[in-house]
mmCIF file of all heavy atoms, coordinates in Angstrom:
data_MODEL
# 
_entry.id   MODEL 
# 
loop_
_atom_site.group_PDB 
_atom_site.id 
_atom_site.type_symbol 
_atom_site.label_atom_id 
_atom_site.label_alt_id 
_atom_site.label_comp_id 
_atom_site.label_asym_id 
_atom_site.label_entity_id 
_atom_site.label_seq_id 
_atom_site.pdbx_PDB_ins_code 
_atom_site.Cartn_x 
_atom_site.Cartn_y 
_atom_site.Cartn_z 
_atom_site.occupancy 
_atom_site.B_iso_or_equiv 
_atom_site.pdbx_formal_charge 
_atom_site.auth_seq_id 
_atom_site.auth_comp_id 
_atom_site.auth_asym_id 
_atom_site.auth_atom_id 
_atom_site.pdbx_PDB_model_num 
ATOM 1   N N   . TYR A 1 1  ? -3.389  1.860  16.291  1.00 0.00 ? 1  TYR A N   1 
ATOM 2   C CA  . TYR A 1 1  ? -3.705  2.040  14.889  1.00 0.00 ? 1  TYR A CA  1 
ATOM 3   C C   . TYR A 1 1  ? -5.188  1.695  14.695  1.00 0.00 ? 1  TYR A C   1 
ATOM 4   O O   . TYR A 1 1  ? -5.596  0.606  14.979  1.00 0.00 ? 1  TYR A O   1 
ATOM 5   C CB  . TYR A 1 1  ? -2.844  1.164  14.052  1.00 0.00 ? 1  TYR A CB  1 
ATOM 6   C CG  . TYR A 1 1  ? -3.080  1.195  12.591  1.00 0.00 ? 1  TYR A CG  1 
ATOM 7   C CD1 . TYR A 1 1  ? -2.719  2.389  11.807  1.00 0.00 ? 1  TYR A CD1 1 
ATOM 8   C CD2 . TYR A 1 1  ? -3.643  0.178  11.843  1.00 0.00 ? 1  TYR A CD2 1 
ATOM 9   C CE1 . TYR A 1 1  ? -2.880  2.423  10.506  1.00 0.00 ? 1  TYR A CE1 1 
ATOM 10  C CE2 . TYR A 1 1  ? -3.797  0.198  10.489  1.00 0.00 ? 1  TYR A CE2 1 
ATOM 11  C CZ  . TYR A 1 1  ? -3.512  1.338  9.791   1.00 0.00 ? 1  TYR A CZ  1 
ATOM 12  O OH  . TYR A 1 1  ? -3.678  1.390  8.420   1.00 0.00 ? 1  TYR A OH  1 
ATOM 13  N N   . ASN A 1 2  ? -5.963  2.680  14.249  1.00 0.00 ? 2  ASN A N   1 
ATOM 14  C CA  . ASN A 1 2  ? -7.421  2.522  14.286  1.00 0.00 ? 2  ASN A CA  1 
ATOM 15  C C   . ASN A 1 2  ? -8.128  2.789  12.995  1.00 0.00 ? 2  ASN A C   1 
ATOM 16  O O   . ASN A 1 2  ? -9.346  3.024  12.972  1.00 0.00 ? 2  ASN A O   1 
ATOM 17  C CB  . ASN A 1 2  ? -8.006  3.490  15.339  1.00 0.00 ? 2  ASN A CB  1 
ATOM 18  C CG  . ASN A 1 2  ? -7.586  3.051  16.708  1.00 0.00 ? 2  ASN A CG  1 
ATOM 19  O OD1 . ASN A 1 2  ? -8.013  1.977  17.239  1.00 0.00 ? 2  ASN A OD1 1 
ATOM 20  N ND2 . ASN A 1 2  ? -6.826  3.840  17.442  1.00 0.00 ? 2  ASN A ND2 1 
ATOM 21  N N   . ILE A 1 3  ? -7.367  2.741  11.877  1.00 0.00 ? 3  ILE A N   1 
ATOM 22  C CA  . ILE A 1 3  ? -8.045  2.736  10.548  1.00 0.00 ? 3  ILE A CA  1 
ATOM 23  C C   . ILE A 1 3  ? -7.640  1.444  9.770   1.00 0.00 ? 3  ILE A C   1 
ATOM 24  O O   . ILE A 1 3  ? -6.600  0.873  10.151  1.00 0.00 ? 3  ILE A O   1 
ATOM 25  C CB  . ILE A 1 3  ? -7.765  3.972  9.725   1.00 0.00 ? 3  ILE A CB  1 
ATOM 26  C CG1 . ILE A 1 3  ? -6.301  4.032  9.309   1.00 0.00 ? 3  ILE A CG1 1 
ATOM 27  C CG2 . ILE A 1 3  ? -8.057  5.264  10.525  1.00 0.00 ? 3  ILE A CG2 1 
ATOM 28  C CD1 . ILE A 1 3  ? -5.939  5.112  8.354   1.00 0.00 ? 3  ILE A CD1 1 
ATOM 29  N N   . GLU A 1 4  ? -8.425  1.103  8.790   1.00 0.00 ? 4  GLU A N   1 
ATOM 30  C CA  . GLU A 1 4  ? -8.056  -0.003 7.958   1.00 0.00 ? 4  GLU A CA  1 
ATOM 31  C C   . GLU A 1 4  ? -8.073  0.406  6.558   1.00 0.00 ? 4  GLU A C   1 
ATOM 32  O O   . GLU A 1 4  ? -9.043  0.851  5.967   1.00 0.00 ? 4  GLU A O   1 
ATOM 33  C CB  . GLU A 1 4  ? -9.018  -1.206 8.122   1.00 0.00 ? 4  GLU A CB  1 
ATOM 34  C CG  . GLU A 1 4  ? -8.594  -2.400 7.312   1.00 0.00 ? 4  GLU A CG  1 
ATOM 35  C CD  . GLU A 1 4  ? -9.446  -3.620 7.623   1.00 0.00 ? 4  GLU A CD  1 
ATOM 36  O OE1 . GLU A 1 4  ? -10.588 -3.410 8.122   1.00 0.00 ? 4  GLU A OE1 1 
ATOM 37  O OE2 . GLU A 1 4  ? -9.073  -4.730 7.367   1.00 0.00 ? 4  GLU A OE2 1 
ATOM 38  N N   . VAL A 1 5  ? -6.843  0.279  5.920   1.00 0.00 ? 5  VAL A N   1 
ATOM 39  C CA  . VAL A 1 5  ? -6.678  0.641  4.498   1.00 0.00 ? 5  VAL A CA  1 
ATOM 40  C C   . VAL A 1 5  ? -6.580  -0.739 3.733   1.00 0.00 ? 5  VAL A C   1 
ATOM 41  O O   . VAL A 1 5  ? -5.721  -1.521 3.909   1.00 0.00 ? 5  VAL A O   1 
ATOM 42  C CB  . VAL A 1 5  ? -5.397  1.484  4.276   1.00 0.00 ? 5  VAL A CB  1 
ATOM 43  C CG1 . VAL A 1 5  ? -5.180  1.725  2.751   1.00 0.00 ? 5  VAL A CG1 1 
ATOM 44  C CG2 . VAL A 1 5  ? -5.515  2.836  5.015   1.00 0.00 ? 5  VAL A CG2 1 
ATOM 45  N N   . THR A 1 6  ? -7.523  -0.883 2.767   1.00 0.00 ? 6  THR A N   1 
ATOM 46  C CA  . THR A 1 6  ? -7.557  -2.150 2.005   1.00 0.00 ? 6  THR A CA  1 
ATOM 47  C C   . THR A 1 6  ? -6.880  -2.019 0.630   1.00 0.00 ? 6  THR A C   1 
ATOM 48  O O   . THR A 1 6  ? -6.458  -2.974 0.041   1.00 0.00 ? 6  THR A O   1 
ATOM 49  C CB  . THR A 1 6  ? -9.004  -2.582 1.841   1.00 0.00 ? 6  THR A CB  1 
ATOM 50  O OG1 . THR A 1 6  ? -9.735  -1.639 1.186   1.00 0.00 ? 6  THR A OG1 1 
ATOM 51  C CG2 . THR A 1 6  ? -9.598  -2.961 3.217   1.00 0.00 ? 6  THR A CG2 1 
ATOM 52  N N   . GLN A 1 7  ? -6.965  -0.758 0.049   1.00 0.00 ? 7  GLN A N   1 
ATOM 53  C CA  . GLN A 1 7  ? -6.544  -0.603 -1.351  1.00 0.00 ? 7  GLN A CA  1 
ATOM 54  C C   . GLN A 1 7  ? -5.044  -0.386 -1.586  1.00 0.00 ? 7  GLN A C   1 
ATOM 55  O O   . GLN A 1 7  ? -4.597  -0.318 -2.700  1.00 0.00 ? 7  GLN A O   1 
ATOM 56  C CB  . GLN A 1 7  ? -7.311  0.537  -1.993  1.00 0.00 ? 7  GLN A CB  1 
ATOM 57  C CG  . GLN A 1 7  ? -7.028  1.900  -1.427  1.00 0.00 ? 7  GLN A CG  1 
ATOM 58  C CD  . GLN A 1 7  ? -7.907  2.239  -0.272  1.00 0.00 ? 7  GLN A CD  1 
ATOM 59  O OE1 . GLN A 1 7  ? -8.038  1.568  0.698   1.00 0.00 ? 7  GLN A OE1 1 
ATOM 60  N NE2 . GLN A 1 7  ? -8.631  3.386  -0.451  1.00 0.00 ? 7  GLN A NE2 1 
ATOM 61  N N   . GLY A 1 8  ? -4.221  -0.280 -0.503  1.00 0.00 ? 8  GLY A N   1 
ATOM 62  C CA  . GLY A 1 8  ? -2.885  -0.002 -0.684  1.00 0.00 ? 8  GLY A CA  1 
ATOM 63  C C   . GLY A 1 8  ? -2.661  1.433  -1.187  1.00 0.00 ? 8  GLY A C   1 
ATOM 64  O O   . GLY A 1 8  ? -3.457  2.327  -0.896  1.00 0.00 ? 8  GLY A O   1 
ATOM 65  N N   . THR A 1 9  ? -1.579  1.644  -1.976  1.00 0.00 ? 9  THR A N   1 
ATOM 66  C CA  . THR A 1 9  ? -1.322  2.979  -2.460  1.00 0.00 ? 9  THR A CA  1 
ATOM 67  C C   . THR A 1 9  ? -0.742  2.772  -3.902  1.00 0.00 ? 9  THR A C   1 
ATOM 68  O O   . THR A 1 9  ? 0.026   1.823  -4.157  1.00 0.00 ? 9  THR A O   1 
ATOM 69  C CB  . THR A 1 9  ? -0.311  3.728  -1.632  1.00 0.00 ? 9  THR A CB  1 
ATOM 70  O OG1 . THR A 1 9  ? -0.081  5.060  -2.131  1.00 0.00 ? 9  THR A OG1 1 
ATOM 71  C CG2 . THR A 1 9  ? 0.933   3.019  -1.409  1.00 0.00 ? 9  THR A CG2 1 
ATOM 72  N N   . ASP A 1 10 ? -1.044  3.734  -4.739  1.00 0.00 ? 10 ASP A N   1 
ATOM 73  C CA  . ASP A 1 10 ? -0.658  3.560  -6.135  1.00 0.00 ? 10 ASP A CA  1 
ATOM 74  C C   . ASP A 1 10 ? 0.430   4.646  -6.526  1.00 0.00 ? 10 ASP A C   1 
ATOM 75  O O   . ASP A 1 10 ? 0.643   4.955  -7.644  1.00 0.00 ? 10 ASP A O   1 
ATOM 76  C CB  . ASP A 1 10 ? -1.815  3.750  -7.132  1.00 0.00 ? 10 ASP A CB  1 
ATOM 77  C CG  . ASP A 1 10 ? -2.624  4.933  -6.996  1.00 0.00 ? 10 ASP A CG  1 
ATOM 78  O OD1 . ASP A 1 10 ? -2.164  5.936  -6.266  1.00 0.00 ? 10 ASP A OD1 1 
ATOM 79  O OD2 . ASP A 1 10 ? -3.722  5.045  -7.561  1.00 0.00 ? 10 ASP A OD2 1 
ATOM 80  N N   . VAL A 1 11 ? 1.126   5.169  -5.472  1.00 0.00 ? 11 VAL A N   1 
ATOM 81  C CA  . VAL A 1 11 ? 2.281   6.044  -5.678  1.00 0.00 ? 11 VAL A CA  1 
ATOM 82  C C   . VAL A 1 11 ? 3.598   5.425  -5.152  1.00 0.00 ? 11 VAL A C   1 
ATOM 83  O O   . VAL A 1 11 ? 3.497   4.471  -4.354  1.00 0.00 ? 11 VAL A O   1 
ATOM 84  C CB  . VAL A 1 11 ? 2.040   7.453  -5.062  1.00 0.00 ? 11 VAL A CB  1 
ATOM 85  C CG1 . VAL A 1 11 ? 0.880   8.109  -5.644  1.00 0.00 ? 11 VAL A CG1 1 
ATOM 86  C CG2 . VAL A 1 11 ? 1.952   7.275  -3.543  1.00 0.00 ? 11 VAL A CG2 1 
ATOM 87  N N   . GLY A 1 12 ? 4.652   5.962  -5.659  1.00 0.00 ? 12 GLY A N   1 
ATOM 88  C CA  . GLY A 1 12 ? 5.970   5.475  -5.086  1.00 0.00 ? 12 GLY A CA  1 
ATOM 89  C C   . GLY A 1 12 ? 6.721   4.535  -6.008  1.00 0.00 ? 12 GLY A C   1 
ATOM 90  O O   . GLY A 1 12 ? 7.731   3.955  -5.577  1.00 0.00 ? 12 GLY A O   1 
ATOM 91  N N   . GLY A 1 13 ? 6.221   4.345  -7.217  1.00 0.00 ? 13 GLY A N   1 
ATOM 92  C CA  . GLY A 1 13 ? 6.983   3.547  -8.114  1.00 0.00 ? 13 GLY A CA  1 
ATOM 93  C C   . GLY A 1 13 ? 6.870   2.085  -7.994  1.00 0.00 ? 13 GLY A C   1 
ATOM 94  O O   . GLY A 1 13 ? 7.726   1.345  -8.533  1.00 0.00 ? 13 GLY A O   1 
ATOM 95  N N   . SER A 1 14 ? 5.969   1.568  -7.221  1.00 0.00 ? 14 SER A N   1 
ATOM 96  C CA  . SER A 1 14 ? 5.903   0.084  -6.982  1.00 0.00 ? 14 SER A CA  1 
ATOM 97  C C   . SER A 1 14 ? 5.154   -0.598 -8.180  1.00 0.00 ? 14 SER A C   1 
ATOM 98  O O   . SER A 1 14 ? 4.529   0.094  -8.914  1.00 0.00 ? 14 SER A O   1 
ATOM 99  C CB  . SER A 1 14 ? 5.249   -0.209 -5.658  1.00 0.00 ? 14 SER A CB  1 
ATOM 100 O OG  . SER A 1 14 ? 5.940   0.316  -4.604  1.00 0.00 ? 14 SER A OG  1 
ATOM 101 N N   . SER A 1 15 ? 5.244   -1.893 -8.162  1.00 0.00 ? 15 SER A N   1 
ATOM 102 C CA  . SER A 1 15 ? 4.616   -2.636 -9.253  1.00 0.00 ? 15 SER A CA  1 
ATOM 103 C C   . SER A 1 15 ? 3.112   -2.623 -9.210  1.00 0.00 ? 15 SER A C   1 
ATOM 104 O O   . SER A 1 15 ? 2.482   -2.775 -10.253 1.00 0.00 ? 15 SER A O   1 
ATOM 105 C CB  . SER A 1 15 ? 5.090   -4.068 -9.206  1.00 0.00 ? 15 SER A CB  1 
ATOM 106 O OG  . SER A 1 15 ? 6.517   -4.183 -9.263  1.00 0.00 ? 15 SER A OG  1 
ATOM 107 N N   . SER A 1 16 ? 2.541   -2.425 -8.002  1.00 0.00 ? 16 SER A N   1 
ATOM 108 C CA  . SER A 1 16 ? 1.138   -2.433 -7.840  1.00 0.00 ? 16 SER A CA  1 
ATOM 109 C C   . SER A 1 16 ? 0.763   -1.822 -6.503  1.00 0.00 ? 16 SER A C   1 
ATOM 110 O O   . SER A 1 16 ? 1.665   -1.684 -5.660  1.00 0.00 ? 16 SER A O   1 
ATOM 111 C CB  . SER A 1 16 ? 0.572   -3.882 -7.866  1.00 0.00 ? 16 SER A CB  1 
ATOM 112 O OG  . SER A 1 16 ? 1.180   -4.672 -6.779  1.00 0.00 ? 16 SER A OG  1 
ATOM 113 N N   . ALA A 1 17 ? -0.514  -1.528 -6.251  1.00 0.00 ? 17 ALA A N   1 
ATOM 114 C CA  . ALA A 1 17 ? -0.961  -0.972 -4.995  1.00 0.00 ? 17 ALA A CA  1 
ATOM 115 C C   . ALA A 1 17 ? -0.759  -1.962 -3.827  1.00 0.00 ? 17 ALA A C   1 
ATOM 116 O O   . ALA A 1 17 ? -0.287  -1.633 -2.747  1.00 0.00 ? 17 ALA A O   1 
ATOM 117 C CB  . ALA A 1 17 ? -2.378  -0.579 -5.032  1.00 0.00 ? 17 ALA A CB  1 
ATOM 118 N N   . GLY A 1 18 ? -0.917  -3.245 -4.207  1.00 0.00 ? 18 GLY A N   1 
ATOM 119 C CA  . GLY A 1 18 ? -0.640  -4.295 -3.156  1.00 0.00 ? 18 GLY A CA  1 
ATOM 120 C C   . GLY A 1 18 ? 0.779   -4.393 -2.748  1.00 0.00 ? 18 GLY A C   1 
ATOM 121 O O   . GLY A 1 18 ? 1.118   -4.621 -1.632  1.00 0.00 ? 18 GLY A O   1 
ATOM 122 N N   . SER A 1 19 ? 1.685   -4.371 -3.790  1.00 0.00 ? 19 SER A N   1 
ATOM 123 C CA  . SER A 1 19 ? 3.070   -4.465 -3.483  1.00 0.00 ? 19 SER A CA  1 
ATOM 124 C C   . SER A 1 19 ? 3.653   -3.245 -2.707  1.00 0.00 ? 19 SER A C   1 
ATOM 125 O O   . SER A 1 19 ? 4.443   -3.319 -1.779  1.00 0.00 ? 19 SER A O   1 
ATOM 126 C CB  . SER A 1 19 ? 3.920   -4.693 -4.745  1.00 0.00 ? 19 SER A CB  1 
ATOM 127 O OG  . SER A 1 19 ? 3.870   -3.520 -5.566  1.00 0.00 ? 19 SER A OG  1 
ATOM 128 N N   . ALA A 1 20 ? 3.039   -2.076 -3.010  1.00 0.00 ? 20 ALA A N   1 
ATOM 129 C CA  . ALA A 1 20 ? 3.419   -0.845 -2.231  1.00 0.00 ? 20 ALA A CA  1 
ATOM 130 C C   . ALA A 1 20 ? 2.991   -0.939 -0.834  1.00 0.00 ? 20 ALA A C   1 
ATOM 131 O O   . ALA A 1 20 ? 3.704   -0.536 0.106   1.00 0.00 ? 20 ALA A O   1 
ATOM 132 C CB  . ALA A 1 20 ? 2.773   0.351  -2.903  1.00 0.00 ? 20 ALA A CB  1 
ATOM 133 N N   . HIS A 1 21 ? 1.794   -1.556 -0.596  1.00 0.00 ? 21 HIS A N   1 
ATOM 134 C CA  . HIS A 1 21 ? 1.293   -1.745 0.730   1.00 0.00 ? 21 HIS A CA  1 
ATOM 135 C C   . HIS A 1 21 ? 2.225   -2.655 1.561   1.00 0.00 ? 21 HIS A C   1 
ATOM 136 O O   . HIS A 1 21 ? 2.586   -2.379 2.727   1.00 0.00 ? 21 HIS A O   1 
ATOM 137 C CB  . HIS A 1 21 ? -0.136  -2.398 0.705   1.00 0.00 ? 21 HIS A CB  1 
ATOM 138 C CG  . HIS A 1 21 ? -0.943  -2.008 1.885   1.00 0.00 ? 21 HIS A CG  1 
ATOM 139 N ND1 . HIS A 1 21 ? -2.327  -2.196 1.940   1.00 0.00 ? 21 HIS A ND1 1 
ATOM 140 C CD2 . HIS A 1 21 ? -0.621  -1.483 3.118   1.00 0.00 ? 21 HIS A CD2 1 
ATOM 141 C CE1 . HIS A 1 21 ? -2.758  -1.870 3.145   1.00 0.00 ? 21 HIS A CE1 1 
ATOM 142 N NE2 . HIS A 1 21 ? -1.773  -1.466 3.859   1.00 0.00 ? 21 HIS A NE2 1 
ATOM 143 N N   . LEU A 1 22 ? 2.628   -3.752 0.946   1.00 0.00 ? 22 LEU A N   1 
ATOM 144 C CA  . LEU A 1 22 ? 3.546   -4.664 1.622   1.00 0.00 ? 22 LEU A CA  1 
ATOM 145 C C   . LEU A 1 22 ? 4.894   -3.957 1.907   1.00 0.00 ? 22 LEU A C   1 
ATOM 146 O O   . LEU A 1 22 ? 5.523   -4.118 2.921   1.00 0.00 ? 22 LEU A O   1 
ATOM 147 C CB  . LEU A 1 22 ? 3.797   -5.876 0.770   1.00 0.00 ? 22 LEU A CB  1 
ATOM 148 C CG  . LEU A 1 22 ? 4.800   -6.903 1.292   1.00 0.00 ? 22 LEU A CG  1 
ATOM 149 C CD1 . LEU A 1 22 ? 4.321   -7.516 2.645   1.00 0.00 ? 22 LEU A CD1 1 
ATOM 150 C CD2 . LEU A 1 22 ? 5.003   -8.066 0.291   1.00 0.00 ? 22 LEU A CD2 1 
ATOM 151 N N   . GLU A 1 23 ? 5.398   -3.171 0.930   1.00 0.00 ? 23 GLU A N   1 
ATOM 152 C CA  . GLU A 1 23 ? 6.675   -2.452 1.237   1.00 0.00 ? 23 GLU A CA  1 
ATOM 153 C C   . GLU A 1 23 ? 6.509   -1.474 2.313   1.00 0.00 ? 23 GLU A C   1 
ATOM 154 O O   . GLU A 1 23 ? 7.413   -1.306 3.193   1.00 0.00 ? 23 GLU A O   1 
ATOM 155 C CB  . GLU A 1 23 ? 7.078   -1.721 -0.112  1.00 0.00 ? 23 GLU A CB  1 
ATOM 156 C CG  . GLU A 1 23 ? 7.505   -2.630 -1.220  1.00 0.00 ? 23 GLU A CG  1 
ATOM 157 C CD  . GLU A 1 23 ? 7.504   -1.906 -2.634  1.00 0.00 ? 23 GLU A CD  1 
ATOM 158 O OE1 . GLU A 1 23 ? 7.259   -0.726 -2.644  1.00 0.00 ? 23 GLU A OE1 1 
ATOM 159 O OE2 . GLU A 1 23 ? 7.741   -2.645 -3.616  1.00 0.00 ? 23 GLU A OE2 1 
ATOM 160 N N   . HIS A 1 24 ? 5.393   -0.802 2.414   1.00 0.00 ? 24 HIS A N   1 
ATOM 161 C CA  . HIS A 1 24 ? 5.175   0.154  3.544   1.00 0.00 ? 24 HIS A CA  1 
ATOM 162 C C   . HIS A 1 24 ? 5.151   -0.669 4.862   1.00 0.00 ? 24 HIS A C   1 
ATOM 163 O O   . HIS A 1 24 ? 5.788   -0.208 5.833   1.00 0.00 ? 24 HIS A O   1 
ATOM 164 C CB  . HIS A 1 24 ? 3.826   0.838  3.299   1.00 0.00 ? 24 HIS A CB  1 
ATOM 165 C CG  . HIS A 1 24 ? 3.215   1.245  4.619   1.00 0.00 ? 24 HIS A CG  1 
ATOM 166 N ND1 . HIS A 1 24 ? 3.591   2.329  5.421   1.00 0.00 ? 24 HIS A ND1 1 
ATOM 167 C CD2 . HIS A 1 24 ? 2.174   0.675  5.348   1.00 0.00 ? 24 HIS A CD2 1 
ATOM 168 C CE1 . HIS A 1 24 ? 2.864   2.472  6.462   1.00 0.00 ? 24 HIS A CE1 1 
ATOM 169 N NE2 . HIS A 1 24 ? 2.005   1.455  6.430   1.00 0.00 ? 24 HIS A NE2 1 
ATOM 170 N N   . GLN A 1 25 ? 4.474   -1.802 4.884   1.00 0.00 ? 25 GLN A N   1 
ATOM 171 C CA  . GLN A 1 25 ? 4.406   -2.516 6.131   1.00 0.00 ? 25 GLN A CA  1 
ATOM 172 C C   . GLN A 1 25 ? 5.702   -3.030 6.589   1.00 0.00 ? 25 GLN A C   1 
ATOM 173 O O   . GLN A 1 25 ? 6.046   -3.015 7.779   1.00 0.00 ? 25 GLN A O   1 
ATOM 174 C CB  . GLN A 1 25 ? 3.383   -3.719 5.957   1.00 0.00 ? 25 GLN A CB  1 
ATOM 175 C CG  . GLN A 1 25 ? 1.926   -3.184 5.885   1.00 0.00 ? 25 GLN A CG  1 
ATOM 176 C CD  . GLN A 1 25 ? 1.035   -4.136 5.097   1.00 0.00 ? 25 GLN A CD  1 
ATOM 177 O OE1 . GLN A 1 25 ? 1.475   -4.906 4.381   1.00 0.00 ? 25 GLN A OE1 1 
ATOM 178 N NE2 . GLN A 1 25 ? -0.262  -3.859 5.311   1.00 0.00 ? 25 GLN A NE2 1 
# 
């Protein structure tokens, strides 16, 4: 894995971009 995403994602119905990122991980 050779990219770094810091902003998370704002799609998928999560509470925030950060919570969506955690859910993905």
